[in-house]
Structures are given as structure tokens and as C-alpha cells.
Amino acid sequence: PEDTAVYYCAAQWDLGPKTCNYWYDSL
């Protein structure tokens, strides 16, 4: 139930192998 939400697809300029590592921070 806590997965209930609006889900958004998103694209960010790929800065290299660590790009996805920063997908989860406040910025």
C-alpha cells in the first residue's frame, strides 16, 4: 500500500557511470 503514488518517468543528462548513483539524493 505504501507504494501508492504518482509515478513519473524522467531523463537526466548522463554524466557517466555514477549518474544513477545520484538519482536518490535531495537534489
mmCIF file of all heavy atoms, coordinates in Angstrom:
data_MODEL
# 
_entry.id   MODEL 
# 
loop_
_atom_site.group_PDB 
_atom_site.id 
_atom_site.type_symbol 
_atom_site.label_atom_id 
_atom_site.label_alt_id 
_atom_site.label_comp_id 
_atom_site.label_asym_id 
_atom_site.label_entity_id 
_atom_site.label_seq_id 
_atom_site.pdbx_PDB_ins_code 
_atom_site.Cartn_x 
_atom_site.Cartn_y 
_atom_site.Cartn_z 
_atom_site.occupancy 
_atom_site.B_iso_or_equiv 
_atom_site.pdbx_formal_charge 
_atom_site.auth_seq_id 
_atom_site.auth_comp_id 
_atom_site.auth_asym_id 
_atom_site.auth_atom_id 
_atom_site.pdbx_PDB_model_num 
ATOM 1   N N   . PRO A 1 1  ? 0.823  -1.227 0.000   1.00 0.00 ? 1  PRO A N   1 
ATOM 2   C CA  . PRO A 1 1  ? 0.000  0.000  0.000   1.00 0.00 ? 1  PRO A CA  1 
ATOM 3   C C   . PRO A 1 1  ? 0.853  1.271  0.000   1.00 0.00 ? 1  PRO A C   1 
ATOM 4   O O   . PRO A 1 1  ? 0.460  2.287  -0.601  1.00 0.00 ? 1  PRO A O   1 
ATOM 5   C CB  . PRO A 1 1  ? -0.816 -0.142 1.282   1.00 0.00 ? 1  PRO A CB  1 
ATOM 6   C CG  . PRO A 1 1  ? -0.965 -1.619 1.453   1.00 0.00 ? 1  PRO A CG  1 
ATOM 7   C CD  . PRO A 1 1  ? 0.354  -2.194 0.998   1.00 0.00 ? 1  PRO A CD  1 
ATOM 8   N N   . GLU A 1 2  ? 1.996  1.231  0.635   1.00 0.00 ? 2  GLU A N   1 
ATOM 9   C CA  . GLU A 1 2  ? 2.859  2.420  0.674   1.00 0.00 ? 2  GLU A CA  1 
ATOM 10  C C   . GLU A 1 2  ? 3.535  2.713  -0.663  1.00 0.00 ? 2  GLU A C   1 
ATOM 11  O O   . GLU A 1 2  ? 4.201  3.734  -0.815  1.00 0.00 ? 2  GLU A O   1 
ATOM 12  C CB  . GLU A 1 2  ? 3.920  2.295  1.776   1.00 0.00 ? 2  GLU A CB  1 
ATOM 13  C CG  . GLU A 1 2  ? 4.707  1.010  1.766   1.00 0.00 ? 2  GLU A CG  1 
ATOM 14  C CD  . GLU A 1 2  ? 4.145  -0.033 2.719   1.00 0.00 ? 2  GLU A CD  1 
ATOM 15  O OE1 . GLU A 1 2  ? 2.896  -0.187 2.798   1.00 0.00 ? 2  GLU A OE1 1 
ATOM 16  O OE2 . GLU A 1 2  ? 4.965  -0.717 3.377   1.00 0.00 ? 2  GLU A OE2 1 
ATOM 17  N N   . ASP A 1 3  ? 3.363  1.842  -1.640  1.00 0.00 ? 3  ASP A N   1 
ATOM 18  C CA  . ASP A 1 3  ? 3.843  2.125  -2.990  1.00 0.00 ? 3  ASP A CA  1 
ATOM 19  C C   . ASP A 1 3  ? 2.847  2.984  -3.777  1.00 0.00 ? 3  ASP A C   1 
ATOM 20  O O   . ASP A 1 3  ? 3.147  3.397  -4.905  1.00 0.00 ? 3  ASP A O   1 
ATOM 21  C CB  . ASP A 1 3  ? 4.096  0.822  -3.754  1.00 0.00 ? 3  ASP A CB  1 
ATOM 22  C CG  . ASP A 1 3  ? 5.249  0.020  -3.198  1.00 0.00 ? 3  ASP A CG  1 
ATOM 23  O OD1 . ASP A 1 3  ? 6.281  0.622  -2.847  1.00 0.00 ? 3  ASP A OD1 1 
ATOM 24  O OD2 . ASP A 1 3  ? 5.117  -1.222 -3.098  1.00 0.00 ? 3  ASP A OD2 1 
ATOM 25  N N   . THR A 1 4  ? 1.695  3.234  -3.201  1.00 0.00 ? 4  THR A N   1 
ATOM 26  C CA  . THR A 1 4  ? 0.700  4.080  -3.848  1.00 0.00 ? 4  THR A CA  1 
ATOM 27  C C   . THR A 1 4  ? 1.264  5.482  -4.054  1.00 0.00 ? 4  THR A C   1 
ATOM 28  O O   . THR A 1 4  ? 1.703  6.121  -3.103  1.00 0.00 ? 4  THR A O   1 
ATOM 29  C CB  . THR A 1 4  ? -0.579 4.145  -3.008  1.00 0.00 ? 4  THR A CB  1 
ATOM 30  O OG1 . THR A 1 4  ? -1.174 2.841  -2.948  1.00 0.00 ? 4  THR A OG1 1 
ATOM 31  C CG2 . THR A 1 4  ? -1.579 5.126  -3.613  1.00 0.00 ? 4  THR A CG2 1 
ATOM 32  N N   . ALA A 1 5  ? 1.256  5.930  -5.296  1.00 0.00 ? 5  ALA A N   1 
ATOM 33  C CA  . ALA A 1 5  ? 1.848  7.228  -5.625  1.00 0.00 ? 5  ALA A CA  1 
ATOM 34  C C   . ALA A 1 5  ? 1.599  7.518  -7.105  1.00 0.00 ? 5  ALA A C   1 
ATOM 35  O O   . ALA A 1 5  ? 1.135  6.657  -7.856  1.00 0.00 ? 5  ALA A O   1 
ATOM 36  C CB  . ALA A 1 5  ? 3.351  7.215  -5.361  1.00 0.00 ? 5  ALA A CB  1 
ATOM 37  N N   . VAL A 1 6  ? 1.940  8.723  -7.502  1.00 0.00 ? 6  VAL A N   1 
ATOM 38  C CA  . VAL A 1 6  ? 2.036  9.042  -8.929  1.00 0.00 ? 6  VAL A CA  1 
ATOM 39  C C   . VAL A 1 6  ? 3.474  8.760  -9.356  1.00 0.00 ? 6  VAL A C   1 
ATOM 40  O O   . VAL A 1 6  ? 4.418  9.247  -8.726  1.00 0.00 ? 6  VAL A O   1 
ATOM 41  C CB  . VAL A 1 6  ? 1.669  10.509 -9.216  1.00 0.00 ? 6  VAL A CB  1 
ATOM 42  C CG1 . VAL A 1 6  ? 1.839  10.809 -10.711 1.00 0.00 ? 6  VAL A CG1 1 
ATOM 43  C CG2 . VAL A 1 6  ? 0.239  10.797 -8.776  1.00 0.00 ? 6  VAL A CG2 1 
ATOM 44  N N   . TYR A 1 7  ? 3.621  7.976  -10.403 1.00 0.00 ? 7  TYR A N   1 
ATOM 45  C CA  . TYR A 1 7  ? 4.934  7.575  -10.881 1.00 0.00 ? 7  TYR A CA  1 
ATOM 46  C C   . TYR A 1 7  ? 5.280  8.374  -12.142 1.00 0.00 ? 7  TYR A C   1 
ATOM 47  O O   . TYR A 1 7  ? 4.460  8.494  -13.058 1.00 0.00 ? 7  TYR A O   1 
ATOM 48  C CB  . TYR A 1 7  ? 4.955  6.077  -11.177 1.00 0.00 ? 7  TYR A CB  1 
ATOM 49  C CG  . TYR A 1 7  ? 5.009  5.233  -9.925  1.00 0.00 ? 7  TYR A CG  1 
ATOM 50  C CD1 . TYR A 1 7  ? 3.911  5.165  -9.066  1.00 0.00 ? 7  TYR A CD1 1 
ATOM 51  C CD2 . TYR A 1 7  ? 6.164  4.552  -9.567  1.00 0.00 ? 7  TYR A CD2 1 
ATOM 52  C CE1 . TYR A 1 7  ? 3.968  4.424  -7.891  1.00 0.00 ? 7  TYR A CE1 1 
ATOM 53  C CE2 . TYR A 1 7  ? 6.231  3.791  -8.403  1.00 0.00 ? 7  TYR A CE2 1 
ATOM 54  C CZ  . TYR A 1 7  ? 5.129  3.742  -7.571  1.00 0.00 ? 7  TYR A CZ  1 
ATOM 55  O OH  . TYR A 1 7  ? 5.186  3.007  -6.409  1.00 0.00 ? 7  TYR A OH  1 
ATOM 56  N N   . TYR A 1 8  ? 6.494  8.897  -12.155 1.00 0.00 ? 8  TYR A N   1 
ATOM 57  C CA  . TYR A 1 8  ? 6.953  9.733  -13.257 1.00 0.00 ? 8  TYR A CA  1 
ATOM 58  C C   . TYR A 1 8  ? 8.189  9.128  -13.908 1.00 0.00 ? 8  TYR A C   1 
ATOM 59  O O   . TYR A 1 8  ? 9.144  8.763  -13.216 1.00 0.00 ? 8  TYR A O   1 
ATOM 60  C CB  . TYR A 1 8  ? 7.323  11.128 -12.761 1.00 0.00 ? 8  TYR A CB  1 
ATOM 61  C CG  . TYR A 1 8  ? 6.191  11.931 -12.192 1.00 0.00 ? 8  TYR A CG  1 
ATOM 62  C CD1 . TYR A 1 8  ? 5.863  11.857 -10.836 1.00 0.00 ? 8  TYR A CD1 1 
ATOM 63  C CD2 . TYR A 1 8  ? 5.445  12.785 -13.008 1.00 0.00 ? 8  TYR A CD2 1 
ATOM 64  C CE1 . TYR A 1 8  ? 4.821  12.601 -10.311 1.00 0.00 ? 8  TYR A CE1 1 
ATOM 65  C CE2 . TYR A 1 8  ? 4.402  13.537 -12.486 1.00 0.00 ? 8  TYR A CE2 1 
ATOM 66  C CZ  . TYR A 1 8  ? 4.094  13.439 -11.137 1.00 0.00 ? 8  TYR A CZ  1 
ATOM 67  O OH  . TYR A 1 8  ? 3.062  14.181 -10.625 1.00 0.00 ? 8  TYR A OH  1 
ATOM 68  N N   . CYS A 1 9  ? 8.172  9.075  -15.217 1.00 0.00 ? 9  CYS A N   1 
ATOM 69  C CA  . CYS A 1 9  ? 9.371  8.753  -15.970 1.00 0.00 ? 9  CYS A CA  1 
ATOM 70  C C   . CYS A 1 9  ? 10.193 10.033 -16.101 1.00 0.00 ? 9  CYS A C   1 
ATOM 71  O O   . CYS A 1 9  ? 9.630  11.140 -16.217 1.00 0.00 ? 9  CYS A O   1 
ATOM 72  C CB  . CYS A 1 9  ? 8.963  8.232  -17.341 1.00 0.00 ? 9  CYS A CB  1 
ATOM 73  S SG  . CYS A 1 9  ? 10.341 7.730  -18.383 1.00 0.00 ? 9  CYS A SG  1 
ATOM 74  N N   . ALA A 1 10 ? 11.511 9.901  -16.090 1.00 0.00 ? 10 ALA A N   1 
ATOM 75  C CA  . ALA A 1 10 ? 12.367 11.087 -16.121 1.00 0.00 ? 10 ALA A CA  1 
ATOM 76  C C   . ALA A 1 10 ? 13.663 10.789 -16.853 1.00 0.00 ? 10 ALA A C   1 
ATOM 77  O O   . ALA A 1 10 ? 14.128 9.644  -16.876 1.00 0.00 ? 10 ALA A O   1 
ATOM 78  C CB  . ALA A 1 10 ? 12.675 11.539 -14.690 1.00 0.00 ? 10 ALA A CB  1 
ATOM 79  N N   . ALA A 1 11 ? 14.249 11.822 -17.425 1.00 0.00 ? 11 ALA A N   1 
ATOM 80  C CA  . ALA A 1 11 ? 15.525 11.688 -18.133 1.00 0.00 ? 11 ALA A CA  1 
ATOM 81  C C   . ALA A 1 11 ? 16.471 12.778 -17.666 1.00 0.00 ? 11 ALA A C   1 
ATOM 82  O O   . ALA A 1 11 ? 16.099 13.951 -17.590 1.00 0.00 ? 11 ALA A O   1 
ATOM 83  C CB  . ALA A 1 11 ? 15.315 11.776 -19.644 1.00 0.00 ? 11 ALA A CB  1 
ATOM 84  N N   . GLN A 1 12 ? 17.691 12.357 -17.358 1.00 0.00 ? 12 GLN A N   1 
ATOM 85  C CA  . GLN A 1 12 ? 18.726 13.288 -16.923 1.00 0.00 ? 12 GLN A CA  1 
ATOM 86  C C   . GLN A 1 12 ? 19.952 13.090 -17.798 1.00 0.00 ? 12 GLN A C   1 
ATOM 87  O O   . GLN A 1 12 ? 20.328 11.953 -18.095 1.00 0.00 ? 12 GLN A O   1 
ATOM 88  C CB  . GLN A 1 12 ? 19.094 13.007 -15.464 1.00 0.00 ? 12 GLN A CB  1 
ATOM 89  C CG  . GLN A 1 12 ? 20.247 13.843 -14.940 1.00 0.00 ? 12 GLN A CG  1 
ATOM 90  C CD  . GLN A 1 12 ? 20.780 13.327 -13.622 1.00 0.00 ? 12 GLN A CD  1 
ATOM 91  O OE1 . GLN A 1 12 ? 20.019 12.840 -12.791 1.00 0.00 ? 12 GLN A OE1 1 
ATOM 92  N NE2 . GLN A 1 12 ? 22.082 13.436 -13.425 1.00 0.00 ? 12 GLN A NE2 1 
ATOM 93  N N   . TRP A 1 13 ? 20.590 14.181 -18.153 1.00 0.00 ? 13 TRP A N   1 
ATOM 94  C CA  . TRP A 1 13 ? 21.801 14.076 -18.947 1.00 0.00 ? 13 TRP A CA  1 
ATOM 95  C C   . TRP A 1 13 ? 22.780 13.123 -18.271 1.00 0.00 ? 13 TRP A C   1 
ATOM 96  O O   . TRP A 1 13 ? 23.062 13.254 -17.089 1.00 0.00 ? 13 TRP A O   1 
ATOM 97  C CB  . TRP A 1 13 ? 22.431 15.465 -19.117 1.00 0.00 ? 13 TRP A CB  1 
ATOM 98  C CG  . TRP A 1 13 ? 23.649 15.481 -19.988 1.00 0.00 ? 13 TRP A CG  1 
ATOM 99  C CD1 . TRP A 1 13 ? 24.950 15.570 -19.596 1.00 0.00 ? 13 TRP A CD1 1 
ATOM 100 C CD2 . TRP A 1 13 ? 23.678 15.391 -21.408 1.00 0.00 ? 13 TRP A CD2 1 
ATOM 101 N NE1 . TRP A 1 13 ? 25.778 15.544 -20.677 1.00 0.00 ? 13 TRP A NE1 1 
ATOM 102 C CE2 . TRP A 1 13 ? 25.038 15.439 -21.808 1.00 0.00 ? 13 TRP A CE2 1 
ATOM 103 C CE3 . TRP A 1 13 ? 22.694 15.288 -22.401 1.00 0.00 ? 13 TRP A CE3 1 
ATOM 104 C CZ2 . TRP A 1 13 ? 25.417 15.386 -23.155 1.00 0.00 ? 13 TRP A CZ2 1 
ATOM 105 C CZ3 . TRP A 1 13 ? 23.084 15.244 -23.728 1.00 0.00 ? 13 TRP A CZ3 1 
ATOM 106 C CH2 . TRP A 1 13 ? 24.424 15.291 -24.091 1.00 0.00 ? 13 TRP A CH2 1 
ATOM 107 N N   . ASP A 1 14 ? 23.280 12.167 -19.043 1.00 0.00 ? 14 ASP A N   1 
ATOM 108 C CA  . ASP A 1 14 ? 24.125 11.129 -18.480 1.00 0.00 ? 14 ASP A CA  1 
ATOM 109 C C   . ASP A 1 14 ? 25.565 11.634 -18.331 1.00 0.00 ? 14 ASP A C   1 
ATOM 110 O O   . ASP A 1 14 ? 26.228 11.929 -19.335 1.00 0.00 ? 14 ASP A O   1 
ATOM 111 C CB  . ASP A 1 14 ? 24.080 9.898  -19.389 1.00 0.00 ? 14 ASP A CB  1 
ATOM 112 C CG  . ASP A 1 14 ? 24.587 8.650  -18.698 1.00 0.00 ? 14 ASP A CG  1 
ATOM 113 O OD1 . ASP A 1 14 ? 25.439 8.772  -17.798 1.00 0.00 ? 14 ASP A OD1 1 
ATOM 114 O OD2 . ASP A 1 14 ? 24.124 7.559  -19.077 1.00 0.00 ? 14 ASP A OD2 1 
ATOM 115 N N   . LEU A 1 15 ? 26.007 11.722 -17.094 1.00 0.00 ? 15 LEU A N   1 
ATOM 116 C CA  . LEU A 1 15 ? 27.343 12.245 -16.811 1.00 0.00 ? 15 LEU A CA  1 
ATOM 117 C C   . LEU A 1 15 ? 28.364 11.141 -16.622 1.00 0.00 ? 15 LEU A C   1 
ATOM 118 O O   . LEU A 1 15 ? 29.510 11.414 -16.278 1.00 0.00 ? 15 LEU A O   1 
ATOM 119 C CB  . LEU A 1 15 ? 27.282 13.120 -15.554 1.00 0.00 ? 15 LEU A CB  1 
ATOM 120 C CG  . LEU A 1 15 ? 26.370 14.347 -15.660 1.00 0.00 ? 15 LEU A CG  1 
ATOM 121 C CD1 . LEU A 1 15 ? 26.268 15.049 -14.317 1.00 0.00 ? 15 LEU A CD1 1 
ATOM 122 C CD2 . LEU A 1 15 ? 26.869 15.299 -16.736 1.00 0.00 ? 15 LEU A CD2 1 
ATOM 123 N N   . GLY A 1 16 ? 27.948 9.890  -16.825 1.00 0.00 ? 16 GLY A N   1 
ATOM 124 C CA  . GLY A 1 16 ? 28.891 8.800  -16.688 1.00 0.00 ? 16 GLY A CA  1 
ATOM 125 C C   . GLY A 1 16 ? 28.357 7.713  -15.774 1.00 0.00 ? 16 GLY A C   1 
ATOM 126 O O   . GLY A 1 16 ? 27.194 7.729  -15.375 1.00 0.00 ? 16 GLY A O   1 
ATOM 127 N N   . PRO A 1 17 ? 29.240 6.765  -15.430 1.00 0.00 ? 17 PRO A N   1 
ATOM 128 C CA  . PRO A 1 17 ? 28.809 5.578  -14.664 1.00 0.00 ? 17 PRO A CA  1 
ATOM 129 C C   . PRO A 1 17 ? 28.149 5.892  -13.325 1.00 0.00 ? 17 PRO A C   1 
ATOM 130 O O   . PRO A 1 17 ? 27.385 5.083  -12.821 1.00 0.00 ? 17 PRO A O   1 
ATOM 131 C CB  . PRO A 1 17 ? 30.123 4.821  -14.463 1.00 0.00 ? 17 PRO A CB  1 
ATOM 132 C CG  . PRO A 1 17 ? 30.986 5.263  -15.586 1.00 0.00 ? 17 PRO A CG  1 
ATOM 133 C CD  . PRO A 1 17 ? 30.641 6.706  -15.816 1.00 0.00 ? 17 PRO A CD  1 
ATOM 134 N N   . LYS A 1 18 ? 28.436 7.023  -12.738 1.00 0.00 ? 18 LYS A N   1 
ATOM 135 C CA  . LYS A 1 18 ? 27.878 7.331  -11.421 1.00 0.00 ? 18 LYS A CA  1 
ATOM 136 C C   . LYS A 1 18 ? 26.588 8.141  -11.482 1.00 0.00 ? 18 LYS A C   1 
ATOM 137 O O   . LYS A 1 18 ? 26.043 8.492  -10.439 1.00 0.00 ? 18 LYS A O   1 
ATOM 138 C CB  . LYS A 1 18 ? 28.909 8.062  -10.566 1.00 0.00 ? 18 LYS A CB  1 
ATOM 139 C CG  . LYS A 1 18 ? 30.129 7.213  -10.223 1.00 0.00 ? 18 LYS A CG  1 
ATOM 140 C CD  . LYS A 1 18 ? 31.045 7.917  -9.248  1.00 0.00 ? 18 LYS A CD  1 
ATOM 141 C CE  . LYS A 1 18 ? 32.215 7.035  -8.859  1.00 0.00 ? 18 LYS A CE  1 
ATOM 142 N NZ  . LYS A 1 18 ? 33.126 7.702  -7.888  1.00 0.00 ? 18 LYS A NZ  1 
ATOM 143 N N   . THR A 1 19 ? 26.099 8.415  -12.661 1.00 0.00 ? 19 THR A N   1 
ATOM 144 C CA  . THR A 1 19 ? 24.908 9.252  -12.791 1.00 0.00 ? 19 THR A CA  1 
ATOM 145 C C   . THR A 1 19 ? 23.743 8.672  -11.996 1.00 0.00 ? 19 THR A C   1 
ATOM 146 O O   . THR A 1 19 ? 23.065 9.379  -11.259 1.00 0.00 ? 19 THR A O   1 
ATOM 147 C CB  . THR A 1 19 ? 24.504 9.420  -14.254 1.00 0.00 ? 19 THR A CB  1 
ATOM 148 O OG1 . THR A 1 19 ? 25.579 10.029 -14.969 1.00 0.00 ? 19 THR A OG1 1 
ATOM 149 C CG2 . THR A 1 19 ? 23.259 10.277 -14.383 1.00 0.00 ? 19 THR A CG2 1 
ATOM 150 N N   . CYS A 1 20 ? 23.512 7.381  -12.150 1.00 0.00 ? 20 CYS A N   1 
ATOM 151 C CA  . CYS A 1 20 ? 22.378 6.769  -11.451 1.00 0.00 ? 20 CYS A CA  1 
ATOM 152 C C   . CYS A 1 20 ? 22.577 6.740  -9.939  1.00 0.00 ? 20 CYS A C   1 
ATOM 153 O O   . CYS A 1 20 ? 21.599 6.648  -9.192  1.00 0.00 ? 20 CYS A O   1 
ATOM 154 C CB  . CYS A 1 20 ? 22.134 5.362  -11.972 1.00 0.00 ? 20 CYS A CB  1 
ATOM 155 S SG  . CYS A 1 20 ? 21.290 5.311  -13.581 1.00 0.00 ? 20 CYS A SG  1 
ATOM 156 N N   . ASN A 1 21 ? 23.825 6.811  -9.479  1.00 0.00 ? 21 ASN A N   1 
ATOM 157 C CA  . ASN A 1 21 ? 24.057 6.807  -8.028  1.00 0.00 ? 21 ASN A CA  1 
ATOM 158 C C   . ASN A 1 21 ? 23.417 8.015  -7.360  1.00 0.00 ? 21 ASN A C   1 
ATOM 159 O O   . ASN A 1 21 ? 23.052 7.973  -6.184  1.00 0.00 ? 21 ASN A O   1 
ATOM 160 C CB  . ASN A 1 21 ? 25.562 6.813  -7.737  1.00 0.00 ? 21 ASN A CB  1 
ATOM 161 C CG  . ASN A 1 21 ? 26.231 5.530  -8.151  1.00 0.00 ? 21 ASN A CG  1 
ATOM 162 O OD1 . ASN A 1 21 ? 25.574 4.585  -8.578  1.00 0.00 ? 21 ASN A OD1 1 
ATOM 163 N ND2 . ASN A 1 21 ? 27.540 5.475  -8.042  1.00 0.00 ? 21 ASN A ND2 1 
ATOM 164 N N   . TYR A 1 22 ? 23.302 9.100  -8.116  1.00 0.00 ? 22 TYR A N   1 
ATOM 165 C CA  . TYR A 1 22 ? 22.788 10.338 -7.553  1.00 0.00 ? 22 TYR A CA  1 
ATOM 166 C C   . TYR A 1 22 ? 21.305 10.536 -7.836  1.00 0.00 ? 22 TYR A C   1 
ATOM 167 O O   . TYR A 1 22 ? 20.773 11.631 -7.635  1.00 0.00 ? 22 TYR A O   1 
ATOM 168 C CB  . TYR A 1 22 ? 23.595 11.522 -8.083  1.00 0.00 ? 22 TYR A CB  1 
ATOM 169 C CG  . TYR A 1 22 ? 25.057 11.434 -7.728  1.00 0.00 ? 22 TYR A CG  1 
ATOM 170 C CD1 . TYR A 1 22 ? 26.008 11.052 -8.667  1.00 0.00 ? 22 TYR A CD1 1 
ATOM 171 C CD2 . TYR A 1 22 ? 25.475 11.696 -6.429  1.00 0.00 ? 22 TYR A CD2 1 
ATOM 172 C CE1 . TYR A 1 22 ? 27.349 10.945 -8.335  1.00 0.00 ? 22 TYR A CE1 1 
ATOM 173 C CE2 . TYR A 1 22 ? 26.814 11.596 -6.087  1.00 0.00 ? 22 TYR A CE2 1 
ATOM 174 C CZ  . TYR A 1 22 ? 27.746 11.222 -7.041  1.00 0.00 ? 22 TYR A CZ  1 
ATOM 175 O OH  . TYR A 1 22 ? 29.064 11.115 -6.706  1.00 0.00 ? 22 TYR A OH  1 
ATOM 176 N N   . TRP A 1 23 ? 20.659 9.477  -8.288  1.00 0.00 ? 23 TRP A N   1 
ATOM 177 C CA  . TRP A 1 23 ? 19.232 9.564  -8.632  1.00 0.00 ? 23 TRP A CA  1 
ATOM 178 C C   . TRP A 1 23 ? 18.366 9.733  -7.390  1.00 0.00 ? 23 TRP A C   1 
ATOM 179 O O   . TRP A 1 23 ? 17.208 10.110 -7.478  1.00 0.00 ? 23 TRP A O   1 
ATOM 180 C CB  . TRP A 1 23 ? 18.845 8.280  -9.356  1.00 0.00 ? 23 TRP A CB  1 
ATOM 181 C CG  . TRP A 1 23 ? 17.609 8.329  -10.168 1.00 0.00 ? 23 TRP A CG  1 
ATOM 182 C CD1 . TRP A 1 23 ? 16.376 7.847  -9.815  1.00 0.00 ? 23 TRP A CD1 1 
ATOM 183 C CD2 . TRP A 1 23 ? 17.446 8.856  -11.487 1.00 0.00 ? 23 TRP A CD2 1 
ATOM 184 N NE1 . TRP A 1 23 ? 15.475 8.062  -10.834 1.00 0.00 ? 23 TRP A NE1 1 
ATOM 185 C CE2 . TRP A 1 23 ? 16.098 8.668  -11.865 1.00 0.00 ? 23 TRP A CE2 1 
ATOM 186 C CE3 . TRP A 1 23 ? 18.312 9.478  -12.381 1.00 0.00 ? 23 TRP A CE3 1 
ATOM 187 C CZ2 . TRP A 1 23 ? 15.611 9.063  -13.109 1.00 0.00 ? 23 TRP A CZ2 1 
ATOM 188 C CZ3 . TRP A 1 23 ? 17.827 9.874  -13.621 1.00 0.00 ? 23 TRP A CZ3 1 
ATOM 189 C CH2 . TRP A 1 23 ? 16.484 9.679  -13.966 1.00 0.00 ? 23 TRP A CH2 1 
ATOM 190 N N   . TYR A 1 24 ? 18.943 9.461  -6.201  1.00 0.00 ? 24 TYR A N   1 
ATOM 191 C CA  . TYR A 1 24 ? 18.134 9.326  -4.998  1.00 0.00 ? 24 TYR A CA  1 
ATOM 192 C C   . TYR A 1 24 ? 18.388 10.419 -3.966  1.00 0.00 ? 24 TYR A C   1 
ATOM 193 O O   . TYR A 1 24 ? 17.794 10.401 -2.896  1.00 0.00 ? 24 TYR A O   1 
ATOM 194 C CB  . TYR A 1 24 ? 18.396 7.951  -4.384  1.00 0.00 ? 24 TYR A CB  1 
ATOM 195 C CG  . TYR A 1 24 ? 18.376 6.880  -5.436  1.00 0.00 ? 24 TYR A CG  1 
ATOM 196 C CD1 . TYR A 1 24 ? 19.556 6.344  -5.934  1.00 0.00 ? 24 TYR A CD1 1 
ATOM 197 C CD2 . TYR A 1 24 ? 17.174 6.461  -5.993  1.00 0.00 ? 24 TYR A CD2 1 
ATOM 198 C CE1 . TYR A 1 24 ? 19.535 5.401  -6.944  1.00 0.00 ? 24 TYR A CE1 1 
ATOM 199 C CE2 . TYR A 1 24 ? 17.144 5.527  -6.999  1.00 0.00 ? 24 TYR A CE2 1 
ATOM 200 C CZ  . TYR A 1 24 ? 18.331 4.995  -7.470  1.00 0.00 ? 24 TYR A CZ  1 
ATOM 201 O OH  . TYR A 1 24 ? 18.312 4.087  -8.474  1.00 0.00 ? 24 TYR A OH  1 
ATOM 202 N N   . ASP A 1 25 ? 19.252 11.365 -4.278  1.00 0.00 ? 25 ASP A N   1 
ATOM 203 C CA  . ASP A 1 25 ? 19.528 12.395 -3.273  1.00 0.00 ? 25 ASP A CA  1 
ATOM 204 C C   . ASP A 1 25 ? 18.536 13.542 -3.386  1.00 0.00 ? 25 ASP A C   1 
ATOM 205 O O   . ASP A 1 25 ? 17.692 13.586 -4.284  1.00 0.00 ? 25 ASP A O   1 
ATOM 206 C CB  . ASP A 1 25 ? 20.985 12.863 -3.376  1.00 0.00 ? 25 ASP A CB  1 
ATOM 207 C CG  . ASP A 1 25 ? 21.297 13.611 -4.665  1.00 0.00 ? 25 ASP A CG  1 
ATOM 208 O OD1 . ASP A 1 25 ? 20.373 14.205 -5.267  1.00 0.00 ? 25 ASP A OD1 1 
ATOM 209 O OD2 . ASP A 1 25 ? 22.470 13.628 -5.062  1.00 0.00 ? 25 ASP A OD2 1 
ATOM 210 N N   . SER A 1 26 ? 18.646 14.501 -2.470  1.00 0.00 ? 26 SER A N   1 
ATOM 211 C CA  . SER A 1 26 ? 17.663 15.577 -2.378  1.00 0.00 ? 26 SER A CA  1 
ATOM 212 C C   . SER A 1 26 ? 17.714 16.548 -3.552  1.00 0.00 ? 26 SER A C   1 
ATOM 213 O O   . SER A 1 26 ? 16.797 17.339 -3.740  1.00 0.00 ? 26 SER A O   1 
ATOM 214 C CB  . SER A 1 26 ? 17.876 16.347 -1.067  1.00 0.00 ? 26 SER A CB  1 
ATOM 215 O OG  . SER A 1 26 ? 19.182 16.904 -1.050  1.00 0.00 ? 26 SER A OG  1 
ATOM 216 N N   . LEU A 1 27 ? 18.769 16.496 -4.348  1.00 0.00 ? 27 LEU A N   1 
ATOM 217 C CA  . LEU A 1 27 ? 18.905 17.409 -5.479  1.00 0.00 ? 27 LEU A CA  1 
ATOM 218 C C   . LEU A 1 27 ? 18.537 16.755 -6.810  1.00 0.00 ? 27 LEU A C   1 
ATOM 219 O O   . LEU A 1 27 ? 18.622 17.396 -7.858  1.00 0.00 ? 27 LEU A O   1 
ATOM 220 C CB  . LEU A 1 27 ? 20.343 17.933 -5.562  1.00 0.00 ? 27 LEU A CB  1 
ATOM 221 C CG  . LEU A 1 27 ? 20.850 18.675 -4.328  1.00 0.00 ? 27 LEU A CG  1 
ATOM 222 C CD1 . LEU A 1 27 ? 22.297 19.085 -4.533  1.00 0.00 ? 27 LEU A CD1 1 
ATOM 223 C CD2 . LEU A 1 27 ? 19.984 19.883 -4.022  1.00 0.00 ? 27 LEU A CD2 1 
# 
